C-alpha atoms as a PDB file:
ATOM      1  CA  MET A   1     115.620 118.114 115.263  1.00  0.00           C
ATOM      2  CA  ALA A   2     115.551 115.187 112.855  1.00  0.00           C
ATOM      3  CA  THR A   3     112.331 113.854 114.334  1.00  0.00           C
ATOM      4  CA  PHE A   4     110.655 117.220 113.776  1.00  0.00           C
ATOM      5  CA  PHE A   5     111.494 117.160 110.079  1.00  0.00           C
ATOM      6  CA  LEU A   6     110.433 113.516 109.745  1.00  0.00           C
ATOM      7  CA  ILE A   7     107.076 114.404 111.265  1.00  0.00           C
ATOM      8  CA  LEU A   8     106.883 117.454 108.998  1.00  0.00           C
ATOM      9  CA  ILE A   9     107.584 115.318 105.918  1.00  0.00           C
ATOM     10  CA  SER A  10     104.930 112.809 106.971  1.00  0.00           C
ATOM     11  CA  VAL A  11     102.316 115.486 107.588  1.00  0.00           C
ATOM     12  CA  PHE A  12     103.043 117.229 104.289  1.00  0.00           C
ATOM     13  CA  ILE A  13     102.856 113.941 102.356  1.00  0.00           C
ATOM     14  CA  ILE A  14      99.529 113.080 103.964  1.00  0.00           C
ATOM     15  CA  ILE A  15      98.119 116.555 103.280  1.00  0.00           C
ATOM     16  CA  SER A  16      99.287 116.591  99.667  1.00  0.00           C
ATOM     17  CA  ASN A  17      97.846 113.135  99.021  1.00  0.00           C
ATOM     18  CA  ILE A  18      94.503 114.124 100.530  1.00  0.00           C
ATOM     19  CA  VAL A  19      94.395 117.285  98.397  1.00  0.00           C
ATOM     20  CA  GLY A  20      95.372 115.199  95.357  1.00  0.00           C
ATOM     21  CA  PHE A  21      92.552 112.754  96.126  1.00  0.00           C
ATOM     22  CA  ILE A  22      90.076 115.624  96.383  1.00  0.00           C
ATOM     23  CA  SER A  23      91.371 116.936  93.052  1.00  0.00           C
ATOM     24  CA  TYR A  24      90.878 113.479  91.542  1.00  0.00           C
ATOM     25  CA  LYS A  25      87.309 113.298  92.825  1.00  0.00           C
ATOM     26  CA  LYS A  26      86.493 116.707  91.322  1.00  0.00           C
ATOM     27  CA  LYS A  27      88.112 116.334  87.905  1.00  0.00           C
ATOM     28  CA  LYS A  28      88.169 112.522  87.520  1.00  0.00           C
ATOM     29  CA  SER A  29      91.726 112.686  86.196  1.00  0.00           C
ATOM     30  CA  LEU A  30      94.720 110.981  87.729  1.00  0.00           C
ATOM     31  CA  TYR A  31      97.004 113.344  85.848  1.00  0.00           C
ATOM     32  CA  ALA A  32      95.333 116.357  87.462  1.00  0.00           C
ATOM     33  CA  ALA A  33      95.860 114.741  90.859  1.00  0.00           C
ATOM     34  CA  ALA A  34      99.551 114.137  90.057  1.00  0.00           C
ATOM     35  CA  LEU A  35      99.939 117.750  88.921  1.00  0.00           C
ATOM     36  CA  THR A  36      98.265 118.968  92.108  1.00  0.00           C
ATOM     37  CA  ILE A  37     100.650 116.907  94.224  1.00  0.00           C
ATOM     38  CA  LEU A  38     103.605 118.220  92.193  1.00  0.00           C
ATOM     39  CA  ILE A  39     102.557 121.826  92.780  1.00  0.00           C
ATOM     40  CA  LEU A  40     102.063 121.114  96.478  1.00  0.00           C
ATOM     41  CA  ALA A  41     105.564 119.591  96.594  1.00  0.00           C
ATOM     42  CA  ALA A  42     107.029 122.935  95.569  1.00  0.00           C
ATOM     43  CA  LEU A  43     104.804 124.824  97.995  1.00  0.00           C
ATOM     44  CA  PHE A  44     105.478 122.531 100.942  1.00  0.00           C
ATOM     45  CA  GLY A  45     109.191 122.451 100.123  1.00  0.00           C
ATOM     46  CA  ALA A  46     109.252 126.236 100.406  1.00  0.00           C
ATOM     47  CA  ILE A  47     107.291 126.114 103.655  1.00  0.00           C
ATOM     48  CA  GLY A  48     109.697 123.477 104.999  1.00  0.00           C
ATOM     49  CA  GLY A  49     112.646 125.651 104.043  1.00  0.00           C
ATOM     50  CA  ILE A  50     111.194 128.660 105.809  1.00  0.00           C
ATOM     51  CA  LEU A  51     110.421 126.585 108.905  1.00  0.00           C
ATOM     52  CA  ALA A  52     113.962 125.205 108.892  1.00  0.00           C
ATOM     53  CA  LEU A  53     115.398 128.717 108.655  1.00  0.00           C
ATOM     54  CA  LEU A  54     113.229 129.903 111.522  1.00  0.00           C
ATOM     55  CA  ILE A  55     113.986 126.932 113.768  1.00  0.00           C
ATOM     56  CA  ILE A  56     117.676 126.275 113.084  1.00  0.00           C
ATOM     57  CA  ARG A  57     118.687 129.875 112.287  1.00  0.00           C
ATOM     58  CA  ASP A  58     121.493 128.913 109.947  1.00  0.00           C
ATOM     59  CA  ALA A  59     121.980 129.684 106.277  1.00  0.00           C
ATOM     60  CA  PHE A  60     122.381 126.024 105.416  1.00  0.00           C
ATOM     61  CA  ALA A  61     119.085 125.111 107.078  1.00  0.00           C
ATOM     62  CA  ILE A  62     117.333 125.730 103.769  1.00  0.00           C
ATOM     63  CA  PHE A  63     118.643 122.320 102.667  1.00  0.00           C
ATOM     64  CA  TYR A  64     116.440 120.653 105.286  1.00  0.00           C
ATOM     65  CA  GLY A  65     113.462 122.324 103.676  1.00  0.00           C
ATOM     66  CA  LEU A  66     114.628 121.215 100.260  1.00  0.00           C
ATOM     67  CA  GLN A  67     114.797 117.674 101.605  1.00  0.00           C
ATOM     68  CA  VAL A  68     111.114 117.953 102.528  1.00  0.00           C
ATOM     69  CA  GLY A  69     110.389 119.038  98.956  1.00  0.00           C
ATOM     70  CA  TYR A  70     112.517 116.173  97.608  1.00  0.00           C
ATOM     71  CA  TYR A  71     110.435 113.534  99.353  1.00  0.00           C
ATOM     72  CA  LEU A  72     107.261 115.207  98.138  1.00  0.00           C
ATOM     73  CA  LEU A  73     108.631 115.137  94.577  1.00  0.00           C
ATOM     74  CA  ILE A  74     109.270 111.409  94.941  1.00  0.00           C
ATOM     75  CA  ASN A  75     105.664 111.040  96.120  1.00  0.00           C
ATOM     76  CA  SER A  76     104.477 113.016  93.096  1.00  0.00           C
ATOM     77  CA  ALA A  77     106.543 110.838  90.748  1.00  0.00           C
ATOM     78  CA  MET A  78     104.977 107.718  92.233  1.00  0.00           C
ATOM     79  CA  VAL A  79     101.474 109.112  91.685  1.00  0.00           C
ATOM     80  CA  LEU A  80     102.356 110.034  88.096  1.00  0.00           C
ATOM     81  CA  LEU A  81     103.764 106.550  87.480  1.00  0.00           C
ATOM     82  CA  LEU A  82     100.579 105.059  88.927  1.00  0.00           C
ATOM     83  CA  ALA A  83      98.490 107.267  86.612  1.00  0.00           C
ATOM     84  CA  VAL A  84     100.468 106.073  83.575  1.00  0.00           C
ATOM     85  CA  ILE A  85     100.100 102.427  84.593  1.00  0.00           C
ATOM     86  CA  VAL A  86      96.345 102.818  85.102  1.00  0.00           C
ATOM     87  CA  THR A  87      96.007 104.520  81.706  1.00  0.00           C
ATOM     88  CA  VAL A  88      97.933 101.725  79.999  1.00  0.00           C
ATOM     89  CA  ILE A  89      95.769  99.091  81.676  1.00  0.00           C
ATOM     90  CA  LYS A  90      92.589 100.926  80.646  1.00  0.00           C
ATOM     91  CA  GLN A  91      93.793 101.167  77.051  1.00  0.00           C
ATOM     92  CA  TYR A  92      94.696  97.484  77.042  1.00  0.00           C
ATOM     93  CA  ASN A  93      91.293  96.456  78.427  1.00  0.00           C
ATOM     94  CA  ASN A  94      89.429  98.590  75.880  1.00  0.00           C
ATOM     95  CA  LYS A  95      91.047  96.725  72.973  1.00  0.00           C
END
């Protein structure tokens, strides 16, 4: 069961990063990409929770889905931190 959720986390992280990259290419904003990944973290966390409830069939299975959302939130925080660092470097180079 643990391997299924590890694969699910990996697939969701890859999908959210690809969608975030597409968002970055469209809007040319790292902050928009970070916001997109943050919104997808909530969406994929809910999907993971529903999948966990359907597979495990236990009331506490929702916490497995929340764990999927937790890792996606960490991914979103890393993208946001990267966006802040890039903005600071751009501001420093412009001066």
